[in-house]
Amino acid sequence: MAITTTTAMRGPMAVKDWAQLLLLGAIWGGSFFFARIAVAEIPPLLLVLFRVAIAALALHLYLGLRGPSFRLALPHAGLFFLLALVNNVIPFSLIFAGQTELGAGVASVLNSTTPFWTLILANALTSDEKLSWNKLAGIALGIVGTAVMIGPGLLAGLGGPVWAKFALVGASLSYAVALMIARRFKGVPSPVIATGQLTASTIIMIPIVLLSHGTANLFSASPPVWTAVLALALLSTAFAYILYFNLVASAGATNASLVTLIVPASAILLGFLFLGERLELFELGGMALIALGLVTIDGRLFGRQR
């Protein structure tokens, strides 16, 4: 395995970029909060369908009003279905299943391990995203942080069942695979990619939900739960994609990835304020290690010190 010692970095982000980053972190942290409310009455697979279908409709409306044309997605229909499977259907299902047992803060922290799995896959499958020493150290810290969060549960059953935590880790791995697939969409505008994958996800989920749940009581949730579903789909999925694509275009993908440091804190704060959740000491320790790993991967803090 070749290790490089330098990493190309952009300059510091502008104030407006930091504002977008903080807002995006709050919104994506809120997705775990909204999902925790929704899974109390809506089965995970049905919630996945509601999330992707409502978000897809919203993004189609956005494209219709602002452009570009969705026709740009049609030549890549097969690839969109593959992307939908690993970027929406599988991870959303695993996340919602895990959240039937886990709090919003713990779920979001486990989901924040996505950059570590992405780096491992990128090093193995690509020629332009090889590991550097700071990335290698960050991956090690992330794996240790994840082990700290899951390990005590293996021994004592604390902080929720182990299968639920592994479900969230599995979702992170699925997202990493999705990133490798998304690299193949060259020349396709980002809003079209988002709309295409959510549309394909909706088409996939409709027969799955009908086979698993039938048509009875699909819309029987209470009004507060429907409010959470709409917030999850419109705010934490449709709007969040648009905001994220604006940030990537303005500040670059590396800077945009820093949002993973903000999402867990946002989810933990919302869970503490509105859901009465508490975290075990070992889970807080795991969060600290994961956060340190992400800072190490970014490299700017240690570079500035040098």
Protein backbone atom coordinates (compact mmCIF):
# COMPACT_ATOMS: atom_id res chain seq x y z
CA MET A 1 0.00 0.00 0.00
CA ALA A 2 1.50 3.30 -1.08
CA ILE A 3 1.42 6.11 1.45
CA THR A 4 1.72 9.71 0.28
CA THR A 5 2.89 12.46 2.57
CA THR A 6 1.12 15.45 1.08
CA THR A 7 -2.53 16.30 0.59
CA ALA A 8 -3.86 19.12 -1.61
CA MET A 9 -5.97 21.48 0.46
CA ARG A 10 -8.09 24.54 -0.26
CA GLY A 11 -7.67 27.79 1.64
CA PRO A 12 -9.80 28.74 4.65
CA MET A 13 -13.54 28.84 4.09
CA ALA A 14 -15.38 32.15 3.80
CA VAL A 15 -17.86 33.24 6.48
CA LYS A 16 -20.83 32.29 4.29
CA ASP A 17 -19.34 28.82 3.79
CA TRP A 18 -18.98 28.32 7.53
CA ALA A 19 -22.59 29.48 7.96
CA GLN A 20 -23.76 26.90 5.41
CA LEU A 21 -21.63 24.21 7.05
CA LEU A 22 -23.08 24.88 10.51
CA LEU A 23 -26.63 24.99 9.15
CA LEU A 24 -26.12 21.72 7.25
CA GLY A 25 -24.72 20.04 10.36
CA ALA A 26 -27.75 21.14 12.37
CA ILE A 27 -30.14 19.91 9.66
CA TRP A 28 -28.48 16.50 9.27
CA GLY A 29 -28.25 16.13 13.01
CA GLY A 30 -31.96 16.84 13.06
CA SER A 31 -32.57 13.90 10.71
CA PHE A 32 -31.72 11.50 13.56
CA PHE A 33 -34.00 13.47 15.88
CA PHE A 34 -36.92 13.38 13.42
CA ALA A 35 -36.35 9.69 12.65
CA ARG A 36 -36.34 8.81 16.34
CA ILE A 37 -39.81 10.37 16.64
CA ALA A 38 -41.12 8.80 13.43
CA VAL A 39 -40.03 5.19 14.09
CA ALA A 40 -42.20 5.17 17.22
CA GLU A 41 -45.27 4.77 14.95
CA ILE A 42 -44.00 4.07 11.42
CA PRO A 43 -42.12 0.85 10.53
CA PRO A 44 -38.57 1.46 9.22
CA LEU A 45 -39.19 0.34 5.62
CA LEU A 46 -42.34 2.45 5.34
CA LEU A 47 -40.46 5.43 6.76
CA VAL A 48 -37.74 4.97 4.14
CA LEU A 49 -40.42 5.13 1.42
CA PHE A 50 -42.00 8.26 2.85
CA ARG A 51 -38.61 9.94 3.21
CA VAL A 52 -37.36 9.29 -0.33
CA ALA A 53 -40.72 9.76 -2.08
CA ILE A 54 -41.52 13.12 -0.49
CA ALA A 55 -37.94 14.32 -0.99
CA ALA A 56 -37.96 13.18 -4.65
CA LEU A 57 -41.20 15.07 -5.32
CA ALA A 58 -39.75 18.18 -3.71
CA LEU A 59 -36.55 17.98 -5.76
CA HIS A 60 -38.49 17.41 -9.01
CA LEU A 61 -40.41 20.58 -8.20
CA TYR A 62 -37.10 22.35 -7.54
CA LEU A 63 -35.68 21.22 -10.90
CA GLY A 64 -38.88 22.25 -12.66
CA LEU A 65 -38.63 25.75 -11.22
CA ARG A 66 -34.86 26.29 -11.21
CA GLY A 67 -33.39 23.65 -13.54
CA PRO A 68 -31.38 21.89 -14.88
CA SER A 69 -33.56 19.44 -16.77
CA PHE A 70 -34.10 16.00 -15.25
CA ARG A 71 -33.66 14.56 -18.74
CA LEU A 72 -29.92 14.64 -18.08
CA ALA A 73 -30.44 11.70 -15.72
CA LEU A 74 -32.16 9.40 -18.21
CA PRO A 75 -29.00 8.04 -19.95
CA HIS A 76 -27.72 6.93 -16.53
CA ALA A 77 -30.92 5.22 -15.32
CA GLY A 78 -29.26 1.87 -14.49
CA LEU A 79 -26.49 3.50 -12.50
CA PHE A 80 -29.02 5.60 -10.61
CA PHE A 81 -30.80 2.46 -9.41
CA LEU A 82 -27.50 1.03 -8.15
CA LEU A 83 -26.69 4.33 -6.42
CA ALA A 84 -30.19 4.45 -4.93
CA LEU A 85 -29.73 0.99 -3.46
CA VAL A 86 -26.47 1.72 -1.65
CA ASN A 87 -26.99 5.42 -0.91
CA ASN A 88 -30.65 5.43 0.18
CA VAL A 89 -32.49 2.11 0.40
CA ILE A 90 -29.93 0.02 2.33
CA PRO A 91 -28.48 2.71 4.63
CA PHE A 92 -31.83 4.37 5.42
CA SER A 93 -33.35 0.97 6.24
CA LEU A 94 -30.42 0.05 8.50
CA ILE A 95 -30.42 3.46 10.19
CA PHE A 96 -34.16 3.43 10.91
CA ALA A 97 -34.01 -0.18 12.14
CA GLY A 98 -31.13 0.73 14.43
CA GLN A 99 -32.98 3.78 15.70
CA THR A 100 -35.81 1.62 16.99
CA GLU A 101 -33.31 0.76 19.77
CA LEU A 102 -30.73 3.58 19.76
CA GLY A 103 -30.92 7.23 20.68
CA ALA A 104 -30.45 9.99 18.11
CA GLY A 105 -26.99 10.99 19.37
CA VAL A 106 -25.50 7.49 19.34
CA ALA A 107 -26.96 6.77 15.89
CA SER A 108 -25.51 9.95 14.41
CA VAL A 109 -22.04 9.30 15.85
CA LEU A 110 -21.92 5.79 14.40
CA ASN A 111 -23.07 7.21 11.08
CA SER A 112 -20.22 9.74 11.21
CA THR A 113 -17.71 6.90 10.70
CA THR A 114 -18.57 7.04 6.96
CA PRO A 115 -15.37 9.00 6.07
CA PHE A 116 -13.19 6.23 7.50
CA TRP A 117 -14.78 3.48 5.40
CA THR A 118 -14.74 5.81 2.38
CA LEU A 119 -11.01 6.36 2.73
CA ILE A 120 -10.34 2.63 2.95
CA LEU A 121 -12.40 1.90 -0.17
CA ALA A 122 -10.97 4.88 -2.07
CA ASN A 123 -7.43 3.71 -1.36
CA ALA A 124 -8.23 0.24 -2.65
CA LEU A 125 -10.35 1.19 -5.69
CA THR A 126 -9.08 4.55 -6.95
CA SER A 127 -5.78 6.00 -8.10
CA ASP A 128 -6.28 9.62 -6.98
CA GLU A 129 -7.39 9.23 -3.35
CA LYS A 130 -4.57 7.31 -1.68
CA LEU A 131 -3.97 7.25 2.05
CA SER A 132 -1.66 9.84 3.63
CA TRP A 133 -0.18 9.53 7.10
CA ASN A 134 -2.72 11.89 8.65
CA LYS A 135 -5.57 9.98 6.96
CA LEU A 136 -4.15 6.67 8.18
CA ALA A 137 -3.97 7.99 11.76
CA GLY A 138 -7.49 9.35 11.49
CA ILE A 139 -8.83 6.01 10.29
CA ALA A 140 -7.14 4.26 13.23
CA LEU A 141 -8.72 6.72 15.68
CA GLY A 142 -12.11 6.26 14.05
CA ILE A 143 -11.96 2.48 14.26
CA VAL A 144 -10.89 2.69 17.90
CA GLY A 145 -13.70 5.16 18.59
CA THR A 146 -16.25 2.85 17.00
CA ALA A 147 -14.88 -0.11 18.99
CA VAL A 148 -15.15 1.90 22.21
CA MET A 149 -18.80 2.61 21.49
CA ILE A 150 -19.71 -0.96 20.48
CA GLY A 151 -17.26 -2.96 22.63
CA PRO A 152 -18.78 -2.35 26.07
CA GLY A 153 -22.17 -3.28 24.66
CA LEU A 154 -20.76 -6.66 23.61
CA LEU A 155 -19.82 -7.36 27.23
CA ALA A 156 -22.51 -5.70 29.26
CA GLY A 157 -25.37 -4.88 26.89
CA LEU A 158 -25.14 -1.20 27.76
CA GLY A 159 -26.37 1.62 25.57
CA GLY A 160 -28.68 -0.45 23.36
CA PRO A 161 -28.33 -3.83 21.64
CA VAL A 162 -25.18 -4.56 19.67
CA TRP A 163 -27.11 -5.48 16.49
CA ALA A 164 -28.54 -1.94 16.34
CA LYS A 165 -25.06 -0.43 16.54
CA PHE A 166 -23.78 -2.73 13.82
CA ALA A 167 -26.78 -1.72 11.69
CA LEU A 168 -25.57 1.89 11.85
CA VAL A 169 -22.00 0.85 11.01
CA GLY A 170 -23.38 -1.15 8.07
CA ALA A 171 -25.18 1.97 6.87
CA SER A 172 -21.88 3.86 6.96
CA LEU A 173 -20.20 1.16 4.87
CA SER A 174 -23.05 1.36 2.36
CA TYR A 175 -22.57 5.12 2.07
CA ALA A 176 -18.87 4.57 1.39
CA VAL A 177 -19.68 2.19 -1.47
CA ALA A 178 -22.15 4.75 -2.81
CA LEU A 179 -19.42 7.38 -2.98
CA MET A 180 -17.35 5.11 -5.19
CA ILE A 181 -20.35 4.75 -7.53
CA ALA A 182 -21.15 8.48 -7.46
CA ARG A 183 -17.65 9.20 -8.85
CA ARG A 184 -18.86 7.76 -12.17
CA PHE A 185 -21.42 10.54 -12.74
CA LYS A 186 -19.12 12.88 -14.64
CA GLY A 187 -20.76 15.94 -16.19
CA VAL A 188 -24.13 15.38 -14.46
CA PRO A 189 -25.20 18.33 -12.26
CA SER A 190 -25.39 17.49 -8.57
CA PRO A 191 -29.10 18.38 -8.14
CA VAL A 192 -29.90 15.97 -10.98
CA ILE A 193 -27.88 13.20 -9.28
CA ALA A 194 -29.77 13.78 -6.02
CA THR A 195 -33.15 13.78 -7.75
CA GLY A 196 -32.28 10.73 -9.83
CA GLN A 197 -31.19 8.61 -6.87
CA LEU A 198 -34.22 9.58 -4.76
CA THR A 199 -36.57 8.86 -7.66
CA ALA A 200 -34.96 5.45 -8.19
CA SER A 201 -35.14 4.80 -4.43
CA THR A 202 -38.87 5.52 -4.47
CA ILE A 203 -39.43 3.08 -7.33
CA ILE A 204 -37.46 0.40 -5.46
CA MET A 205 -39.22 0.96 -2.13
CA ILE A 206 -42.84 0.92 -3.37
CA PRO A 207 -42.99 -2.87 -4.08
CA ILE A 208 -40.89 -3.64 -0.99
CA VAL A 209 -43.35 -1.79 1.25
CA LEU A 210 -46.42 -3.25 -0.46
CA LEU A 211 -45.06 -6.79 -0.06
CA SER A 212 -44.02 -6.30 3.56
CA HIS A 213 -46.88 -4.13 4.85
CA GLY A 214 -49.71 -4.28 2.33
CA THR A 215 -51.94 -1.25 1.85
CA ALA A 216 -53.69 -1.17 5.23
CA ASN A 217 -52.87 1.57 7.73
CA LEU A 218 -50.10 3.09 5.64
CA PHE A 219 -51.13 6.58 6.70
CA SER A 220 -52.32 5.92 10.24
CA ALA A 221 -49.58 7.81 12.10
CA SER A 222 -50.48 10.69 14.41
CA PRO A 223 -50.13 14.35 13.32
CA PRO A 224 -46.93 14.95 15.37
CA VAL A 225 -45.29 11.95 13.69
CA TRP A 226 -46.32 13.20 10.24
CA THR A 227 -44.74 16.53 11.11
CA ALA A 228 -41.49 14.68 11.86
CA VAL A 229 -41.77 12.75 8.56
CA LEU A 230 -42.24 15.94 6.55
CA ALA A 231 -39.31 17.57 8.34
CA LEU A 232 -37.16 14.49 7.67
CA ALA A 233 -38.03 14.43 3.96
CA LEU A 234 -38.20 18.13 3.10
CA LEU A 235 -35.65 19.64 5.48
CA SER A 236 -33.16 16.85 6.25
CA THR A 237 -33.22 15.25 2.78
CA ALA A 238 -34.40 17.50 -0.07
CA PHE A 239 -33.21 20.88 1.24
CA ALA A 240 -30.09 19.37 2.81
CA TYR A 241 -28.99 17.95 -0.56
CA ILE A 242 -29.34 21.36 -2.21
CA LEU A 243 -27.46 23.07 0.62
CA TYR A 244 -24.72 20.45 0.52
CA PHE A 245 -24.25 20.80 -3.24
CA ASN A 246 -23.98 24.59 -2.87
CA LEU A 247 -21.31 24.10 -0.19
CA VAL A 248 -19.32 21.61 -2.28
CA ALA A 249 -19.36 24.01 -5.25
CA SER A 250 -18.30 26.96 -3.10
CA ALA A 251 -15.85 25.44 -0.60
CA GLY A 252 -14.91 22.05 -2.08
CA ALA A 253 -15.63 18.48 -1.02
CA THR A 254 -12.89 18.36 1.64
CA ASN A 255 -14.25 21.36 3.49
CA ALA A 256 -17.83 20.14 3.08
CA SER A 257 -16.91 16.82 4.70
CA LEU A 258 -16.25 18.67 7.96
CA VAL A 259 -20.02 18.60 8.47
CA THR A 260 -19.56 15.12 9.95
CA LEU A 261 -17.97 16.77 12.99
CA ILE A 262 -21.08 18.88 13.57
CA VAL A 263 -23.84 16.32 12.94
CA PRO A 264 -23.31 14.24 16.12
CA ALA A 265 -23.23 17.30 18.37
CA SER A 266 -26.44 18.57 16.79
CA ALA A 267 -28.20 15.21 17.19
CA ILE A 268 -27.02 14.82 20.79
CA LEU A 269 -28.23 18.32 21.70
CA LEU A 270 -31.64 17.73 20.11
CA GLY A 271 -31.97 14.33 21.78
CA PHE A 272 -31.03 15.82 25.15
CA LEU A 273 -33.36 18.80 24.84
CA PHE A 274 -36.46 17.10 23.40
CA LEU A 275 -36.19 13.33 23.91
CA GLY A 276 -34.74 13.10 27.42
CA GLU A 277 -31.81 10.99 26.20
CA ARG A 278 -28.57 10.44 28.10
CA LEU A 279 -25.28 8.98 26.96
CA GLU A 280 -23.06 6.49 28.76
CA LEU A 281 -19.49 7.49 29.56
CA PHE A 282 -17.98 4.97 27.11
CA GLU A 283 -20.16 6.37 24.31
CA LEU A 284 -18.91 9.90 25.03
CA GLY A 285 -15.35 8.58 24.92
CA GLY A 286 -15.99 6.95 21.55
CA MET A 287 -17.42 10.21 20.21
CA ALA A 288 -14.32 12.10 21.30
CA LEU A 289 -12.03 9.62 19.52
CA ILE A 290 -14.11 9.77 16.33
CA ALA A 291 -14.05 13.56 16.38
CA LEU A 292 -10.27 13.54 16.90
CA GLY A 293 -9.94 11.14 13.97
CA LEU A 294 -11.90 13.46 11.66
CA VAL A 295 -9.76 16.44 12.71
CA THR A 296 -6.62 14.37 12.06
CA ILE A 297 -7.84 13.37 8.59
CA ASP A 298 -8.51 17.01 7.74
CA GLY A 299 -4.87 17.80 8.61
CA ARG A 300 -5.18 21.57 8.87
CA LEU A 301 -5.02 21.79 12.67
CA PHE A 302 -1.74 19.90 12.92
CA GLY A 303 -0.35 21.61 9.84
CA ARG A 304 -1.05 25.00 11.41
CA GLN A 305 0.72 23.93 14.60
CA ARG A 306 3.78 22.89 12.61
